[in-house]
């Protein structure tokens, strides 16, 4: 896609003013780095990183039976979800493949607020427009989306609204923040504590600059966002999961609510329940690549005897661990942590070991139980 065809977020000028290196991603002109991927990664792990994720799709799904209709295509129990909460879910096709992964919650009493991936948003919105009926409505929102992530993010945000410190992981709400109407959730894509904040597009640059005026906060590009999510073992749609991958294969069974499995009333339920009972043909695993260059997407995975058994879907250096890591798919017989495998990098086999994910412990803030 040429630069002329790329869309821009409301913060494009702000990124360029900060000297960001811009690249095309998901059809948008986006900052891949500012001072450097490694420095930005470490800053987020130690302080607070600010991300522009306005390229992602935001919408409301409303109407008397909108949530029941939404549930036909996702395996989560959203009718039982309490107001002020959100959960991760999967938009499934009839074969149980993952059309997209998403966040959907109830920030207020009027239906769902949903965030989907940038590269899939047009097809997702078209899907829902075609499937929703009656008084169920899809409203696409033209808003900016910021994420502030890291161990100091909560302290930074509490200066602007003390009540935000009381939110727990996956809490969500609609409130006045920075003088404007915002959707806020305590969530993110880095494995760190933090918040995702949907703001009116016209106010995005003011809020971005206000947050960056705090010495604990630095801007973070897509390069560090990718290495952070890889360390957290989080899949990237279009790479680690796609429309052929099932939630069981992708090791995302936590997104399958017990009540929904019992009702088996969502897209692809037959395949998914069969795989839960009998096991899938492949499963996503984490790999510690013990030698050589990083194993990138597309690298072959072989067993100890050199027989090719799978493929790497994401990989790179882990700044936190100091060695190379990867995710990929192998048959279940090779998925147990501690299994010795090989990855083929530049035509040469390199020793690898299956390890549990996340590679780096997550630090989501969970409220103490009463």
Foldseek 3Di string as FASTA:
>chain_A
DDPVQAAEALCPVVCVVLVFDWDDDLRHTFGAFRPDQLVQLVLQAAFKEKEWPQLWWKKFKFDDCRVVLVCQQWQADQVPADAQFKDKIFGAAQQQAGAWIWIWHHQDDTGIIIITGNNRVVVVVVVCVVRDDDGIDMGTDNWIKMKMGYPHQLVLQCVFPVCSVVAFARGWHWDQTPNFTKIKGQYDQQLTTIMMITGHSVCVVVVVVVSVVDPRYDYGTPNNSQLRNLLQVHDDEPFLGHNVDHCQQAVNCVRRDPVSLVVLNHRSSVVVNVCVVPNDQKHKFKKFFDDDAKFAFAWFKFAPVRHTFWTWRGWHQRSVVGGIMTMIMGGPVQQDFQGWIWTQDPNRTTIMTTDHPSNDNGHGGGDDDD
